Amino acid sequence: MKNLLSLILTSALLYSCSKDSVDTPVIPTDPVVKNTTPVGVDSIAGVNWADARDNFVDGWVIPSGLEAGDEYATVFAKSEGILTGFQNHIKGLNTIRLPINPPSVNDIWWSRYKGAIDKAISKKIRVVLCCWESASAKNGVIDNSADFWQMWTKVVQDYGNNPYVYFEVINEPYGYSLQTLSDVYAEFLQRFPTLSRKRIILSGTGYSEDVTGIGADSRFSECLLALHNYAFWTNRTLTEWESDWRRRMGSYAKRTIVSEFGVAMSTGKDYIGGTQSDNEIAYMIASSNVFRNDKVASIYWPGLRDGDSYSLFSREGTGTSITLKIINQSGISRLRYGWGIE
């Protein structure tokens, strides 16, 4: 028996070493499953759609591609091309941030502008509505309190019960101290007591640059927080940018939405493999690292804004036949990396 077994083993060995032997079969492994759900609060992952004038305007805010003379149906149709462009070119996008101001809502433009909001909702895209102040005032505080509250009352009446719409009370409120800004937010909650706190977004102090003060206020514990930070503010290394983001969020990362961040996209910089000695590249890589690892929601500035070097897209087409052209694919890749879906 022992000799027979030796013969069998020897034959098997010779066969396995023969040039005519079959290749060793590859044992399949479990496929790598990529995460398709954005990692931040409420899975928000989006871009800003902005007015070419930077949303600080005297009068109506009119996002790029729309015109003051457009009726509701035209706004609705134009928004289809723009929003579809965002979705097709940035897989995983589920949110847009749109500007409002008192003239836009308290005048006839609101009945038309709602076409963009309604189109987004129809495509299951969430909408963050944020109030900008006028260009002529631009001092970091509410221009006119009566107009401001009239605007929000109308917006909440129209969309307060719609789970796709979020309400960012005021953009970059740098004219307020922590105490006076907190008073504004407390009044907002008092005026709209039935509005879901989980869809109310409170900007941090300064240029929305630090959320720790507002985040620590127990009155706002159920609300989300808006944070801004830009590379053009200063120069830092990659690790310094990562630390800077975390300092601005403190212990409130899980409630924070970075509703603005961005770098120049029209310069051709490579935000994936470019040199990290470049401040913008270091910033973009650090930002997306922190967003992904700390599970922070982010909305890029801007997805579309005519004439803005930071814009991810340019517009093509005429009338209601609008398409979007990618300006910098590496920027989109880092954006999606920060969302945790690439």
Protein backbone atom coordinates (compact mmCIF):
# COMPACT_ATOMS: atom_id res chain seq x y z
CA MET A 1 0.00 0.00 0.00
CA LYS A 2 2.83 2.39 0.88
CA ASN A 3 4.56 1.76 -2.48
CA LEU A 4 1.29 2.25 -4.34
CA LEU A 5 0.67 5.54 -2.56
CA SER A 6 4.20 6.71 -3.39
CA LEU A 7 3.64 5.88 -7.04
CA ILE A 8 0.39 7.85 -7.10
CA LEU A 9 1.99 10.89 -5.44
CA THR A 10 4.99 10.76 -7.76
CA SER A 11 2.76 10.61 -10.83
CA ALA A 12 0.70 13.52 -9.58
CA LEU A 13 3.82 15.58 -9.00
CA LEU A 14 5.18 14.86 -12.45
CA TYR A 15 1.85 15.78 -14.00
CA SER A 16 1.66 19.05 -12.13
CA CYS A 17 5.15 20.01 -13.34
CA SER A 18 4.46 19.08 -16.94
CA LYS A 19 4.29 21.92 -19.49
CA ASP A 20 0.98 20.40 -20.58
CA SER A 21 -0.58 20.66 -17.15
CA VAL A 22 -3.56 22.93 -16.67
CA ASP A 23 -3.15 26.21 -14.77
CA THR A 24 -4.05 26.19 -11.12
CA PRO A 25 -7.61 27.42 -10.93
CA VAL A 26 -8.09 30.90 -9.45
CA ILE A 27 -10.36 30.81 -6.44
CA PRO A 28 -12.73 33.76 -6.73
CA THR A 29 -12.74 36.24 -3.89
CA ASP A 30 -15.59 38.41 -2.74
CA PRO A 31 -15.93 41.44 -5.00
CA VAL A 32 -14.91 44.81 -3.62
CA VAL A 33 -18.14 46.62 -2.97
CA LYS A 34 -17.83 50.38 -3.26
CA ASN A 35 -19.92 52.51 -0.95
CA THR A 36 -22.66 54.25 -2.92
CA THR A 37 -24.18 56.18 -0.01
CA PRO A 38 -22.57 59.52 0.86
CA VAL A 39 -21.08 59.48 4.32
CA GLY A 40 -22.12 62.87 5.73
CA VAL A 41 -25.14 64.00 7.74
CA ASP A 42 -28.36 62.87 6.10
CA SER A 43 -26.15 61.61 3.20
CA ILE A 44 -26.09 65.12 1.70
CA ALA A 45 -23.73 65.39 -1.28
CA GLY A 46 -24.06 68.34 -3.59
CA VAL A 47 -23.01 71.49 -5.38
CA ASN A 48 -24.03 75.14 -5.42
CA TRP A 49 -25.92 76.51 -8.41
CA ALA A 50 -25.17 80.21 -8.28
CA ASP A 51 -25.93 83.58 -9.81
CA ALA A 52 -23.10 84.90 -12.00
CA ARG A 53 -23.09 87.94 -9.72
CA ASP A 54 -22.10 85.76 -6.72
CA ASN A 55 -25.59 85.71 -5.14
CA PHE A 56 -24.97 89.11 -3.54
CA VAL A 57 -27.39 91.16 -5.62
CA ASP A 58 -29.78 94.07 -5.26
CA GLY A 59 -32.96 92.47 -6.54
CA TRP A 60 -33.68 88.95 -7.65
CA VAL A 61 -31.10 86.17 -7.43
CA ILE A 62 -31.04 84.39 -10.80
CA PRO A 63 -28.83 81.28 -11.01
CA SER A 64 -26.72 80.91 -14.15
CA GLY A 65 -28.75 79.74 -17.11
CA LEU A 66 -31.98 81.34 -15.95
CA GLU A 67 -33.21 84.78 -16.99
CA ALA A 68 -35.43 87.36 -15.32
CA GLY A 69 -38.04 87.03 -18.06
CA ASP A 70 -38.39 83.26 -17.71
CA GLU A 71 -41.79 81.97 -16.69
CA TYR A 72 -42.23 78.97 -14.38
CA ALA A 73 -42.41 76.47 -17.25
CA THR A 74 -39.19 77.82 -18.77
CA VAL A 75 -37.34 77.72 -15.46
CA PHE A 76 -38.60 74.17 -14.94
CA ALA A 77 -37.40 73.12 -18.42
CA LYS A 78 -34.01 74.81 -18.17
CA SER A 79 -33.44 73.25 -14.76
CA GLU A 80 -33.88 69.80 -16.28
CA GLY A 81 -30.75 70.15 -18.40
CA ILE A 82 -28.64 71.63 -15.63
CA LEU A 83 -29.69 69.19 -12.92
CA THR A 84 -29.39 66.21 -15.24
CA GLY A 85 -25.90 67.41 -16.12
CA PHE A 86 -24.97 67.48 -12.45
CA GLN A 87 -26.34 63.99 -11.91
CA ASN A 88 -24.78 62.46 -15.02
CA HIS A 89 -21.32 63.92 -14.49
CA ILE A 90 -21.13 63.63 -10.68
CA LYS A 91 -22.41 60.20 -9.74
CA GLY A 92 -23.84 60.25 -6.25
CA LEU A 93 -24.93 63.89 -6.27
CA ASN A 94 -28.23 64.29 -4.45
CA THR A 95 -28.32 67.95 -3.37
CA ILE A 96 -28.16 71.46 -4.79
CA ARG A 97 -27.81 74.68 -2.83
CA LEU A 98 -29.78 77.61 -4.23
CA PRO A 99 -29.75 81.27 -3.20
CA ILE A 100 -32.76 83.25 -2.09
CA ASN A 101 -33.19 86.79 -0.78
CA PRO A 102 -36.22 88.91 0.18
CA PRO A 103 -36.74 90.49 -3.27
CA SER A 104 -36.62 87.06 -4.93
CA VAL A 105 -39.29 85.60 -2.68
CA ASN A 106 -41.45 88.60 -1.87
CA ASP A 107 -41.82 89.59 -5.54
CA ILE A 108 -43.18 87.85 -8.66
CA TRP A 109 -39.89 86.04 -9.33
CA TRP A 110 -40.68 83.51 -6.59
CA SER A 111 -43.62 82.00 -8.49
CA ARG A 112 -41.24 81.45 -11.43
CA TYR A 113 -38.07 80.56 -9.53
CA LYS A 114 -39.93 77.73 -7.80
CA GLY A 115 -39.65 75.90 -11.11
CA ALA A 116 -36.00 75.14 -10.31
CA ILE A 117 -36.86 73.90 -6.82
CA ASP A 118 -39.78 71.81 -8.06
CA LYS A 119 -37.70 70.29 -10.86
CA ALA A 120 -35.04 69.25 -8.36
CA ILE A 121 -37.66 67.69 -6.09
CA SER A 122 -39.16 65.82 -9.04
CA LYS A 123 -35.70 64.33 -9.67
CA LYS A 124 -35.36 63.41 -5.97
CA ILE A 125 -32.61 66.00 -5.53
CA ARG A 126 -32.61 67.76 -2.20
CA VAL A 127 -32.55 71.56 -2.18
CA VAL A 128 -30.79 73.77 0.35
CA LEU A 129 -32.30 77.27 0.24
CA CYS A 130 -29.97 79.86 1.73
CA CYS A 131 -30.54 83.59 2.25
CA TRP A 132 -27.97 86.04 0.87
CA GLU A 133 -27.85 89.72 1.70
CA SER A 134 -27.84 92.46 -0.92
CA ALA A 135 -24.75 93.70 -2.74
CA SER A 136 -25.25 97.28 -1.59
CA ALA A 137 -25.45 96.36 2.10
CA LYS A 138 -23.07 93.41 2.32
CA ASN A 139 -22.17 93.83 5.95
CA GLY A 140 -22.87 90.33 7.25
CA VAL A 141 -26.24 91.08 8.83
CA ILE A 142 -29.89 90.92 7.79
CA ASP A 143 -30.68 93.88 5.52
CA ASN A 144 -34.28 94.41 6.65
CA SER A 145 -35.83 92.30 9.39
CA ALA A 146 -39.43 92.68 8.23
CA ASP A 147 -38.55 91.64 4.67
CA PHE A 148 -36.36 88.82 5.96
CA TRP A 149 -39.10 87.25 8.07
CA GLN A 150 -41.70 87.77 5.35
CA MET A 151 -39.40 85.86 2.98
CA TRP A 152 -38.88 82.92 5.31
CA THR A 153 -42.56 82.76 6.19
CA LYS A 154 -43.42 82.37 2.54
CA VAL A 155 -40.69 79.81 1.89
CA VAL A 156 -41.69 77.71 4.90
CA GLN A 157 -45.35 77.88 3.92
CA ASP A 158 -44.49 76.56 0.46
CA TYR A 159 -41.87 73.94 1.34
CA GLY A 160 -41.90 73.39 5.10
CA ASN A 161 -43.61 70.03 4.76
CA ASN A 162 -41.43 68.83 1.89
CA PRO A 163 -38.66 66.52 3.15
CA TYR A 164 -36.45 67.37 0.16
CA VAL A 165 -36.06 71.05 1.14
CA TYR A 166 -33.63 72.41 3.75
CA PHE A 167 -33.46 75.93 5.16
CA GLU A 168 -30.10 77.67 5.70
CA VAL A 169 -31.12 80.76 7.63
CA ILE A 170 -28.40 83.20 6.58
CA ASN A 171 -25.19 83.01 4.57
CA GLU A 172 -21.90 84.09 6.18
CA PRO A 173 -23.28 86.19 9.07
CA TYR A 174 -19.96 87.86 9.89
CA GLY A 175 -21.60 91.06 11.14
CA TYR A 176 -22.99 89.32 14.23
CA SER A 177 -21.40 88.34 17.49
CA LEU A 178 -22.07 84.81 18.69
CA GLN A 179 -24.74 86.13 21.05
CA THR A 180 -26.60 88.25 18.48
CA LEU A 181 -26.42 85.50 15.86
CA SER A 182 -27.79 83.04 18.39
CA ASP A 183 -30.68 85.43 18.99
CA VAL A 184 -31.51 85.43 15.27
CA TYR A 185 -31.51 81.63 15.19
CA ALA A 186 -33.61 81.40 18.33
CA GLU A 187 -36.18 83.71 16.75
CA PHE A 188 -36.22 81.54 13.61
CA LEU A 189 -37.05 78.48 15.70
CA GLN A 190 -39.67 80.40 17.63
CA ARG A 191 -41.37 81.65 14.46
CA PHE A 192 -41.43 78.20 12.85
CA PRO A 193 -41.97 75.78 15.73
CA THR A 194 -43.32 72.92 13.60
CA LEU A 195 -40.54 73.02 11.00
CA SER A 196 -38.32 69.94 11.23
CA ARG A 197 -35.15 70.90 13.10
CA LYS A 198 -33.27 68.29 11.09
CA ARG A 199 -33.80 70.42 7.97
CA ILE A 200 -32.77 73.73 9.53
CA ILE A 201 -29.15 74.72 8.84
CA LEU A 202 -27.45 77.33 11.03
CA SER A 203 -24.31 78.99 9.69
CA GLY A 204 -21.30 79.25 11.93
CA THR A 205 -19.94 82.56 13.14
CA GLY A 206 -17.87 84.88 10.95
CA TYR A 207 -17.94 83.88 7.31
CA SER A 208 -19.68 80.69 8.42
CA GLU A 209 -16.16 79.73 9.39
CA ASP A 210 -16.57 78.18 12.84
CA VAL A 211 -19.54 76.11 14.04
CA THR A 212 -18.38 75.38 17.57
CA GLY A 213 -20.15 78.31 19.25
CA ILE A 214 -23.54 77.68 17.64
CA GLY A 215 -23.06 73.92 17.96
CA ALA A 216 -22.61 74.20 21.73
CA ASP A 217 -25.93 75.99 22.23
CA SER A 218 -28.44 73.42 23.54
CA ARG A 219 -31.32 75.29 21.89
CA PHE A 220 -29.96 74.24 18.51
CA SER A 221 -28.93 70.69 19.31
CA GLU A 222 -31.24 69.16 16.71
CA CYS A 223 -30.29 71.59 13.93
CA LEU A 224 -27.58 71.15 11.32
CA LEU A 225 -24.57 73.47 11.06
CA ALA A 226 -23.11 75.20 7.99
CA LEU A 227 -19.35 75.64 7.64
CA HIS A 228 -17.25 77.47 5.01
CA ASN A 229 -13.49 77.38 4.48
CA TYR A 230 -11.45 78.44 1.45
CA ALA A 231 -7.88 77.97 0.26
CA PHE A 232 -7.56 81.62 -0.75
CA TRP A 233 -7.90 82.65 2.91
CA THR A 234 -4.35 81.48 3.70
CA ASN A 235 -1.58 79.00 2.81
CA ARG A 236 -1.20 75.71 4.66
CA THR A 237 0.27 72.25 4.19
CA LEU A 238 -2.01 69.26 3.67
CA THR A 239 -1.82 68.21 7.32
CA GLU A 240 -2.34 71.80 8.45
CA TRP A 241 -5.50 72.04 6.33
CA GLU A 242 -6.79 68.82 7.85
CA SER A 243 -6.20 70.16 11.35
CA ASP A 244 -7.79 73.48 10.43
CA TRP A 245 -11.00 71.82 9.25
CA ARG A 246 -11.25 69.80 12.45
CA ARG A 247 -10.62 72.86 14.61
CA ARG A 248 -13.49 74.70 12.89
CA MET A 249 -15.89 71.77 13.45
CA GLY A 250 -14.82 70.82 16.95
CA SER A 251 -16.97 67.96 18.20
CA TYR A 252 -19.83 68.76 15.79
CA ALA A 253 -18.66 67.06 12.59
CA LYS A 254 -21.64 64.73 12.54
CA ARG A 255 -24.03 67.72 12.41
CA THR A 256 -21.96 69.79 9.99
CA ILE A 257 -22.58 70.47 6.32
CA VAL A 258 -19.76 72.22 4.51
CA SER A 259 -22.07 74.29 2.34
CA GLU A 260 -19.20 76.06 0.59
CA PHE A 261 -15.64 75.05 -0.22
CA GLY A 262 -13.74 75.20 -3.48
CA VAL A 263 -10.66 75.95 -5.55
CA ALA A 264 -9.84 77.11 -9.07
CA MET A 265 -10.88 74.51 -11.64
CA SER A 266 -10.11 76.45 -14.81
CA THR A 267 -6.34 76.45 -14.23
CA GLY A 268 -5.89 72.80 -15.19
CA LYS A 269 -4.51 71.72 -11.82
CA ASP A 270 -4.51 68.00 -11.06
CA TYR A 271 -6.28 67.53 -7.75
CA ILE A 272 -5.51 63.82 -7.68
CA GLY A 273 -1.83 63.55 -8.59
CA GLY A 274 -0.61 67.14 -8.49
CA THR A 275 2.09 68.41 -6.16
CA GLN A 276 0.92 68.91 -2.61
CA SER A 277 3.25 71.89 -2.27
CA ASP A 278 0.56 73.76 -4.18
CA ASN A 279 -1.79 75.32 -1.61
CA GLU A 280 -4.98 74.64 -3.58
CA ILE A 281 -4.08 71.01 -4.23
CA ALA A 282 -3.14 70.48 -0.59
CA TYR A 283 -6.43 72.10 0.45
CA MET A 284 -8.57 70.02 -1.92
CA ILE A 285 -6.95 66.74 -0.94
CA ALA A 286 -7.07 67.58 2.77
CA SER A 287 -10.70 68.69 2.56
CA SER A 288 -11.87 65.51 0.89
CA ASN A 289 -9.80 63.40 3.29
CA VAL A 290 -11.45 65.01 6.31
CA PHE A 291 -14.95 64.85 4.82
CA ARG A 292 -14.58 61.15 4.04
CA ASN A 293 -12.84 60.07 7.23
CA ASP A 294 -14.86 62.22 9.63
CA LYS A 295 -18.16 61.66 7.80
CA VAL A 296 -18.87 65.30 6.99
CA ALA A 297 -21.42 66.32 4.36
CA SER A 298 -20.23 68.75 1.69
CA ILE A 299 -21.65 70.99 -1.03
CA TYR A 300 -19.05 72.32 -3.48
CA TRP A 301 -18.84 75.99 -4.53
CA PRO A 302 -19.91 76.11 -7.27
CA GLY A 303 -21.16 73.36 -9.52
CA LEU A 304 -22.27 76.04 -11.95
CA ARG A 305 -21.70 79.76 -11.92
CA ASP A 306 -20.98 81.60 -15.15
CA GLY A 307 -17.58 83.29 -15.13
CA ASP A 308 -16.37 81.71 -11.88
CA SER A 309 -12.95 80.04 -12.13
CA TYR A 310 -14.02 77.70 -9.32
CA SER A 311 -16.98 76.34 -11.29
CA LEU A 312 -16.91 72.62 -12.03
CA PHE A 313 -18.93 73.12 -15.22
CA SER A 314 -19.57 75.56 -18.02
CA ARG A 315 -22.88 75.88 -19.83
CA GLU A 316 -23.54 74.95 -23.43
CA GLY A 317 -26.67 75.08 -25.57
CA THR A 318 -29.40 77.68 -25.93
CA GLY A 319 -32.92 78.24 -24.68
CA THR A 320 -34.19 75.31 -22.69
CA SER A 321 -31.66 72.93 -24.28
CA ILE A 322 -28.86 73.41 -21.77
CA THR A 323 -26.02 70.95 -21.27
CA LEU A 324 -23.00 71.07 -18.98
CA LYS A 325 -19.35 70.65 -19.90
CA ILE A 326 -16.82 69.39 -17.33
CA ILE A 327 -14.00 71.82 -16.61
CA ASN A 328 -11.82 69.67 -14.33
CA GLN A 329 -12.45 65.93 -13.91
CA SER A 330 -9.89 65.58 -11.11
CA GLY A 331 -11.85 68.10 -9.05
CA ILE A 332 -14.99 66.04 -9.47
CA SER A 333 -13.11 62.90 -8.47
CA ARG A 334 -11.87 64.48 -5.23
CA LEU A 335 -15.36 65.83 -4.51
CA ARG A 336 -16.81 62.33 -4.81
CA TYR A 337 -13.96 60.91 -2.73
CA GLY A 338 -14.93 63.29 0.04
CA TRP A 339 -18.49 62.03 -0.19
CA GLY A 340 -17.15 58.54 0.50
CA ILE A 341 -18.49 57.06 -2.72
CA GLU A 342 -15.30 56.75 -4.78
